[in-house]
């Protein structure tokens, strides 16, 4: 998940440590590994200091999933099965939200198949991404929430969904009480994606 709304940014002082931990965690999850949080922290500590504070901040703000000391999720990727999936190079990955599923391949410039479902009708939505390029003829509508974001997975990811089209998005917004946010077309995703995952774009 990128910092679309400008919220959830780490405090100055250990923002470099947050970036370092997320970079190493993302690389491990992208490779299909299940390392310990301690191992990722040790790798990040070779790049910067204050990694322990960074891990605490990430977990408190819904940017880190763990099962004991085993890394489960970070930087949009998760080993936990979700409604949002990616297939890249024959490997199946899961993401925290629909936005992550379409944005991560764009940020990395890779060919992928992203799959999610419309919250209004339940229809499966499959997006073919070729070398980081989203289709320009899609009728799908991507909803990007705004507002307070104390916890990324709870406050942002549960609402960052892909809809069949504007009509189904409008129906969901009406039922949800017209939450704050905006529609982002596929043409607007690359700028956000490359900013949100700039730290890992050249790594995997």
C-alpha atoms as a PDB file:
ATOM      1  CA  UNK A   1       0.000   0.000   0.000  1.00  0.00           C
ATOM      2  CA  UNK A   2       1.397   3.398  -0.920  1.00  0.00           C
ATOM      3  CA  UNK A   3       0.926   6.520   1.189  1.00  0.00           C
ATOM      4  CA  UNK A   4      -1.761   7.785  -1.192  1.00  0.00           C
ATOM      5  CA  UNK A   5      -3.342  10.161   1.301  1.00  0.00           C
ATOM      6  CA  UNK A   6      -0.083  11.288   2.831  1.00  0.00           C
ATOM      7  CA  UNK A   7      -1.049   9.617   6.100  1.00  0.00           C
ATOM      8  CA  UNK A   8       0.720   6.870   8.015  1.00  0.00           C
ATOM      9  CA  UNK A   9       4.183   8.249   7.366  1.00  0.00           C
ATOM     10  CA  UNK A  10       6.855   7.168   9.864  1.00  0.00           C
ATOM     11  CA  UNK A  11       8.233   9.794  12.251  1.00  0.00           C
ATOM     12  CA  UNK A  12      11.436  11.447  11.251  1.00  0.00           C
ATOM     13  CA  UNK A  13      14.359   9.809  12.942  1.00  0.00           C
ATOM     14  CA  UNK A  14      13.724   6.230  11.930  1.00  0.00           C
ATOM     15  CA  UNK A  15      12.032   6.613   8.553  1.00  0.00           C
ATOM     16  CA  UNK A  16      15.177   5.169   6.950  1.00  0.00           C
ATOM     17  CA  UNK A  17      14.892   2.141   9.196  1.00  0.00           C
ATOM     18  CA  UNK A  18      11.241   1.675   8.204  1.00  0.00           C
ATOM     19  CA  UNK A  19      12.215   1.829   4.528  1.00  0.00           C
ATOM     20  CA  UNK A  20      15.083  -0.622   5.024  1.00  0.00           C
ATOM     21  CA  UNK A  21      12.920  -3.153   6.860  1.00  0.00           C
ATOM     22  CA  UNK A  22      10.113  -2.925   4.297  1.00  0.00           C
ATOM     23  CA  UNK A  23      12.574  -3.337   1.431  1.00  0.00           C
ATOM     24  CA  UNK A  24      14.068  -6.531   2.850  1.00  0.00           C
ATOM     25  CA  UNK A  25      10.663  -7.875   3.933  1.00  0.00           C
ATOM     26  CA  UNK A  26       9.138  -7.248   0.505  1.00  0.00           C
ATOM     27  CA  UNK A  27      12.034  -8.967  -1.264  1.00  0.00           C
ATOM     28  CA  UNK A  28      11.656 -12.052   0.935  1.00  0.00           C
ATOM     29  CA  UNK A  29       7.883 -12.262   0.465  1.00  0.00           C
ATOM     30  CA  UNK A  30       8.203 -11.665  -3.277  1.00  0.00           C
ATOM     31  CA  UNK A  31      10.620 -14.600  -3.450  1.00  0.00           C
ATOM     32  CA  UNK A  32       8.116 -16.824  -1.627  1.00  0.00           C
ATOM     33  CA  UNK A  33      10.164 -17.040   1.546  1.00  0.00           C
ATOM     34  CA  UNK A  34       8.918 -17.148   5.147  1.00  0.00           C
ATOM     35  CA  UNK A  35      11.773 -15.628   7.148  1.00  0.00           C
ATOM     36  CA  UNK A  36      11.657 -14.562  10.757  1.00  0.00           C
ATOM     37  CA  UNK A  37      11.033 -10.939  11.602  1.00  0.00           C
ATOM     38  CA  UNK A  38      14.352 -11.050  13.470  1.00  0.00           C
ATOM     39  CA  UNK A  39      16.182 -12.134  10.319  1.00  0.00           C
ATOM     40  CA  UNK A  40      14.654  -9.286   8.305  1.00  0.00           C
ATOM     41  CA  UNK A  41      15.510  -6.843  11.090  1.00  0.00           C
ATOM     42  CA  UNK A  42      19.092  -8.081  11.124  1.00  0.00           C
ATOM     43  CA  UNK A  43      19.374  -7.595   7.360  1.00  0.00           C
ATOM     44  CA  UNK A  44      17.893  -4.105   7.625  1.00  0.00           C
ATOM     45  CA  UNK A  45      20.269  -3.210  10.459  1.00  0.00           C
ATOM     46  CA  UNK A  46      23.169  -3.543   8.040  1.00  0.00           C
ATOM     47  CA  UNK A  47      21.721  -0.547   6.179  1.00  0.00           C
ATOM     48  CA  UNK A  48      20.674   1.693   9.056  1.00  0.00           C
ATOM     49  CA  UNK A  49      20.052   1.973  12.795  1.00  0.00           C
ATOM     50  CA  UNK A  50      16.842   2.100  14.899  1.00  0.00           C
ATOM     51  CA  UNK A  51      15.397  -0.999  13.213  1.00  0.00           C
ATOM     52  CA  UNK A  52      13.758  -2.213  16.448  1.00  0.00           C
ATOM     53  CA  UNK A  53      11.807   1.056  16.685  1.00  0.00           C
ATOM     54  CA  UNK A  54      10.865   0.713  13.022  1.00  0.00           C
ATOM     55  CA  UNK A  55       9.488  -2.806  13.541  1.00  0.00           C
ATOM     56  CA  UNK A  56       7.373  -1.620  16.492  1.00  0.00           C
ATOM     57  CA  UNK A  57       6.027   1.320  14.483  1.00  0.00           C
ATOM     58  CA  UNK A  58       5.221  -0.844  11.437  1.00  0.00           C
ATOM     59  CA  UNK A  59       3.298  -3.348  13.516  1.00  0.00           C
ATOM     60  CA  UNK A  60       1.400  -0.667  15.454  1.00  0.00           C
ATOM     61  CA  UNK A  61       0.324   1.008  12.222  1.00  0.00           C
ATOM     62  CA  UNK A  62      -0.856  -2.054  10.334  1.00  0.00           C
ATOM     63  CA  UNK A  63       2.131  -2.254   8.030  1.00  0.00           C
ATOM     64  CA  UNK A  64       3.527  -5.519   9.335  1.00  0.00           C
ATOM     65  CA  UNK A  65       1.873  -8.918   9.727  1.00  0.00           C
ATOM     66  CA  UNK A  66       3.555 -11.592  11.799  1.00  0.00           C
ATOM     67  CA  UNK A  67       2.816 -14.962  13.346  1.00  0.00           C
ATOM     68  CA  UNK A  68       5.034 -14.966  16.394  1.00  0.00           C
ATOM     69  CA  UNK A  69       8.416 -14.190  14.887  1.00  0.00           C
ATOM     70  CA  UNK A  70       7.513 -15.419  11.377  1.00  0.00           C
ATOM     71  CA  UNK A  71       7.011 -12.696   8.787  1.00  0.00           C
ATOM     72  CA  UNK A  72       3.540 -12.910   7.210  1.00  0.00           C
ATOM     73  CA  UNK A  73       3.026  -9.612   5.410  1.00  0.00           C
ATOM     74  CA  UNK A  74       4.681  -6.290   4.620  1.00  0.00           C
ATOM     75  CA  UNK A  75       4.611  -3.510   2.013  1.00  0.00           C
ATOM     76  CA  UNK A  76       1.398  -4.790   0.405  1.00  0.00           C
ATOM     77  CA  UNK A  77       2.352  -8.459   0.083  1.00  0.00           C
ATOM     78  CA  UNK A  78       1.116 -11.180   2.438  1.00  0.00           C
ATOM     79  CA  UNK A  79       1.503 -14.931   2.794  1.00  0.00           C
ATOM     80  CA  UNK A  80      -2.034 -15.024   4.184  1.00  0.00           C
ATOM     81  CA  UNK A  81      -4.686 -15.971   1.598  1.00  0.00           C
ATOM     82  CA  UNK A  82      -6.786 -12.926   0.706  1.00  0.00           C
ATOM     83  CA  UNK A  83      -9.337 -11.958  -1.938  1.00  0.00           C
ATOM     84  CA  UNK A  84      -6.563 -10.244  -3.901  1.00  0.00           C
ATOM     85  CA  UNK A  85      -3.984 -12.306  -5.781  1.00  0.00           C
ATOM     86  CA  UNK A  86      -1.105 -11.919  -8.193  1.00  0.00           C
ATOM     87  CA  UNK A  87       0.517 -14.416 -10.499  1.00  0.00           C
ATOM     88  CA  UNK A  88       4.004 -13.349 -11.534  1.00  0.00           C
ATOM     89  CA  UNK A  89       6.317 -15.717 -13.357  1.00  0.00           C
ATOM     90  CA  UNK A  90       4.187 -18.684 -12.367  1.00  0.00           C
ATOM     91  CA  UNK A  91       4.276 -17.765  -8.683  1.00  0.00           C
ATOM     92  CA  UNK A  92       1.045 -16.913  -6.864  1.00  0.00           C
ATOM     93  CA  UNK A  93       1.189 -14.091  -4.334  1.00  0.00           C
ATOM     94  CA  UNK A  94      -1.454 -12.391  -2.223  1.00  0.00           C
ATOM     95  CA  UNK A  95      -1.845  -8.708  -1.394  1.00  0.00           C
ATOM     96  CA  UNK A  96      -3.575  -6.642   1.263  1.00  0.00           C
ATOM     97  CA  UNK A  97      -5.943  -4.923  -1.171  1.00  0.00           C
ATOM     98  CA  UNK A  98      -7.007  -4.607  -4.792  1.00  0.00           C
ATOM     99  CA  UNK A  99      -4.869  -1.506  -5.204  1.00  0.00           C
ATOM    100  CA  UNK A 100      -1.766  -3.441  -4.140  1.00  0.00           C
ATOM    101  CA  UNK A 101      -2.624  -6.205  -6.615  1.00  0.00           C
ATOM    102  CA  UNK A 102      -2.657  -3.891  -9.620  1.00  0.00           C
ATOM    103  CA  UNK A 103      -0.042  -1.393  -8.429  1.00  0.00           C
ATOM    104  CA  UNK A 104       2.806  -3.694  -7.392  1.00  0.00           C
ATOM    105  CA  UNK A 105       3.360  -5.170 -10.890  1.00  0.00           C
ATOM    106  CA  UNK A 106       3.203  -1.653 -12.331  1.00  0.00           C
ATOM    107  CA  UNK A 107       5.816  -0.406  -9.859  1.00  0.00           C
ATOM    108  CA  UNK A 108       8.092  -3.371 -10.628  1.00  0.00           C
ATOM    109  CA  UNK A 109       7.523  -3.186 -14.384  1.00  0.00           C
ATOM    110  CA  UNK A 110       6.659  -6.888 -14.614  1.00  0.00           C
ATOM    111  CA  UNK A 111       4.102  -9.002 -16.425  1.00  0.00           C
ATOM    112  CA  UNK A 112       1.423 -10.279 -14.066  1.00  0.00           C
ATOM    113  CA  UNK A 113      -2.162 -11.404 -13.694  1.00  0.00           C
ATOM    114  CA  UNK A 114      -3.988  -9.616 -10.893  1.00  0.00           C
ATOM    115  CA  UNK A 115      -7.264 -11.017  -9.593  1.00  0.00           C
ATOM    116  CA  UNK A 116      -9.770  -9.541  -7.160  1.00  0.00           C
ATOM    117  CA  UNK A 117     -13.547  -9.199  -6.979  1.00  0.00           C
ATOM    118  CA  UNK A 118     -16.109  -6.411  -7.169  1.00  0.00           C
ATOM    119  CA  UNK A 119     -17.449  -5.706  -3.648  1.00  0.00           C
ATOM    120  CA  UNK A 120     -20.897  -4.878  -5.044  1.00  0.00           C
ATOM    121  CA  UNK A 121     -21.672  -7.943  -7.155  1.00  0.00           C
ATOM    122  CA  UNK A 122     -18.896 -10.385  -6.257  1.00  0.00           C
ATOM    123  CA  UNK A 123     -17.795 -10.814  -9.863  1.00  0.00           C
ATOM    124  CA  UNK A 124     -14.170 -11.847 -10.292  1.00  0.00           C
ATOM    125  CA  UNK A 125     -12.074  -9.143 -11.900  1.00  0.00           C
ATOM    126  CA  UNK A 126      -8.894 -10.197 -13.665  1.00  0.00           C
ATOM    127  CA  UNK A 127      -6.387  -7.604 -14.864  1.00  0.00           C
ATOM    128  CA  UNK A 128      -3.629  -8.567 -17.300  1.00  0.00           C
ATOM    129  CA  UNK A 129      -0.550  -6.410 -16.782  1.00  0.00           C
ATOM    130  CA  UNK A 130       2.126  -6.510 -19.480  1.00  0.00           C
ATOM    131  CA  UNK A 131       5.613  -5.288 -18.528  1.00  0.00           C
ATOM    132  CA  UNK A 132       4.114  -2.983 -15.923  1.00  0.00           C
ATOM    133  CA  UNK A 133       1.437  -1.573 -18.235  1.00  0.00           C
ATOM    134  CA  UNK A 134      -2.225  -1.708 -17.265  1.00  0.00           C
ATOM    135  CA  UNK A 135      -4.871  -2.127 -19.978  1.00  0.00           C
ATOM    136  CA  UNK A 136      -6.217   1.190 -21.248  1.00  0.00           C
ATOM    137  CA  UNK A 137      -9.633  -0.153 -22.222  1.00  0.00           C
ATOM    138  CA  UNK A 138     -10.801  -1.350 -18.801  1.00  0.00           C
ATOM    139  CA  UNK A 139     -14.166  -0.187 -17.458  1.00  0.00           C
ATOM    140  CA  UNK A 140     -13.099  -1.043 -13.896  1.00  0.00           C
ATOM    141  CA  UNK A 141     -13.126   1.685 -11.251  1.00  0.00           C
ATOM    142  CA  UNK A 142     -10.500   1.777  -8.485  1.00  0.00           C
ATOM    143  CA  UNK A 143     -11.528   3.393  -5.209  1.00  0.00           C
ATOM    144  CA  UNK A 144      -8.796   5.079  -3.154  1.00  0.00           C
ATOM    145  CA  UNK A 145      -9.892   6.080   0.371  1.00  0.00           C
ATOM    146  CA  UNK A 146      -8.825   9.305   2.048  1.00  0.00           C
ATOM    147  CA  UNK A 147      -8.998  10.391   5.647  1.00  0.00           C
ATOM    148  CA  UNK A 148      -7.375   9.235   8.892  1.00  0.00           C
ATOM    149  CA  UNK A 149      -5.070   6.266   8.481  1.00  0.00           C
ATOM    150  CA  UNK A 150      -3.766   5.126  11.831  1.00  0.00           C
ATOM    151  CA  UNK A 151      -3.647   1.514  10.646  1.00  0.00           C
ATOM    152  CA  UNK A 152      -3.016   0.805   6.958  1.00  0.00           C
ATOM    153  CA  UNK A 153      -4.629  -2.627   6.763  1.00  0.00           C
ATOM    154  CA  UNK A 154      -7.688  -1.553   8.768  1.00  0.00           C
ATOM    155  CA  UNK A 155      -8.227   2.025   7.560  1.00  0.00           C
ATOM    156  CA  UNK A 156      -7.002   1.906   3.962  1.00  0.00           C
ATOM    157  CA  UNK A 157      -6.768  -1.606   2.595  1.00  0.00           C
ATOM    158  CA  UNK A 158     -10.279  -2.801   3.437  1.00  0.00           C
ATOM    159  CA  UNK A 159     -11.660   0.040   1.287  1.00  0.00           C
ATOM    160  CA  UNK A 160      -9.114   0.218  -1.577  1.00  0.00           C
ATOM    161  CA  UNK A 161     -11.163  -1.934  -3.922  1.00  0.00           C
ATOM    162  CA  UNK A 162     -11.664  -2.470  -7.629  1.00  0.00           C
ATOM    163  CA  UNK A 163     -15.224  -2.330  -8.982  1.00  0.00           C
ATOM    164  CA  UNK A 164     -16.777  -3.594 -12.223  1.00  0.00           C
ATOM    165  CA  UNK A 165     -17.576  -0.048 -13.207  1.00  0.00           C
ATOM    166  CA  UNK A 166     -18.761   3.363 -11.973  1.00  0.00           C
ATOM    167  CA  UNK A 167     -22.309   2.149 -11.326  1.00  0.00           C
ATOM    168  CA  UNK A 168     -21.223  -0.540  -8.878  1.00  0.00           C
ATOM    169  CA  UNK A 169     -18.791   1.850  -7.219  1.00  0.00           C
ATOM    170  CA  UNK A 170     -21.564   4.429  -6.770  1.00  0.00           C
ATOM    171  CA  UNK A 171     -23.846   1.766  -5.272  1.00  0.00           C
ATOM    172  CA  UNK A 172     -21.139   0.762  -2.782  1.00  0.00           C
ATOM    173  CA  UNK A 173     -20.422   4.373  -1.846  1.00  0.00           C
ATOM    174  CA  UNK A 174     -24.111   5.029  -1.207  1.00  0.00           C
ATOM    175  CA  UNK A 175     -24.438   1.914   0.967  1.00  0.00           C
ATOM    176  CA  UNK A 176     -21.234   2.809   2.845  1.00  0.00           C
ATOM    177  CA  UNK A 177     -22.410   6.339   3.690  1.00  0.00           C
ATOM    178  CA  UNK A 178     -20.360   8.152   1.028  1.00  0.00           C
ATOM    179  CA  UNK A 179     -16.881   7.703   2.564  1.00  0.00           C
ATOM    180  CA  UNK A 180     -14.072  10.109   1.743  1.00  0.00           C
ATOM    181  CA  UNK A 181     -11.920   9.158  -1.218  1.00  0.00           C
ATOM    182  CA  UNK A 182     -11.672   9.348  -4.962  1.00  0.00           C
ATOM    183  CA  UNK A 183     -11.795   7.249  -8.098  1.00  0.00           C
ATOM    184  CA  UNK A 184      -8.441   6.567  -9.750  1.00  0.00           C
ATOM    185  CA  UNK A 185      -8.361   5.390 -13.340  1.00  0.00           C
ATOM    186  CA  UNK A 186      -5.788   2.877 -14.519  1.00  0.00           C
ATOM    187  CA  UNK A 187      -4.022   5.776 -16.226  1.00  0.00           C
ATOM    188  CA  UNK A 188      -3.442   7.334 -12.821  1.00  0.00           C
ATOM    189  CA  UNK A 189      -2.051   4.212 -11.140  1.00  0.00           C
ATOM    190  CA  UNK A 190       1.565   4.265 -12.454  1.00  0.00           C
ATOM    191  CA  UNK A 191       2.532   7.547 -10.790  1.00  0.00           C
ATOM    192  CA  UNK A 192       1.144   6.397  -7.435  1.00  0.00           C
ATOM    193  CA  UNK A 193       2.609   2.900  -7.734  1.00  0.00           C
ATOM    194  CA  UNK A 194       6.116   4.004  -8.647  1.00  0.00           C
ATOM    195  CA  UNK A 195       6.134   6.414  -5.727  1.00  0.00           C
ATOM    196  CA  UNK A 196       4.715   3.927  -3.232  1.00  0.00           C
ATOM    197  CA  UNK A 197       7.120   1.101  -4.099  1.00  0.00           C
ATOM    198  CA  UNK A 198      10.114   3.165  -5.240  1.00  0.00           C
ATOM    199  CA  UNK A 199      12.260   1.494  -2.582  1.00  0.00           C
ATOM    200  CA  UNK A 200      11.767  -1.973  -4.069  1.00  0.00           C
ATOM    201  CA  UNK A 201      11.156  -1.247  -7.761  1.00  0.00           C
ATOM    202  CA  UNK A 202      14.649  -2.294  -8.847  1.00  0.00           C
ATOM    203  CA  UNK A 203      15.150  -5.090  -6.322  1.00  0.00           C
ATOM    204  CA  UNK A 204      13.163  -8.306  -7.078  1.00  0.00           C
END
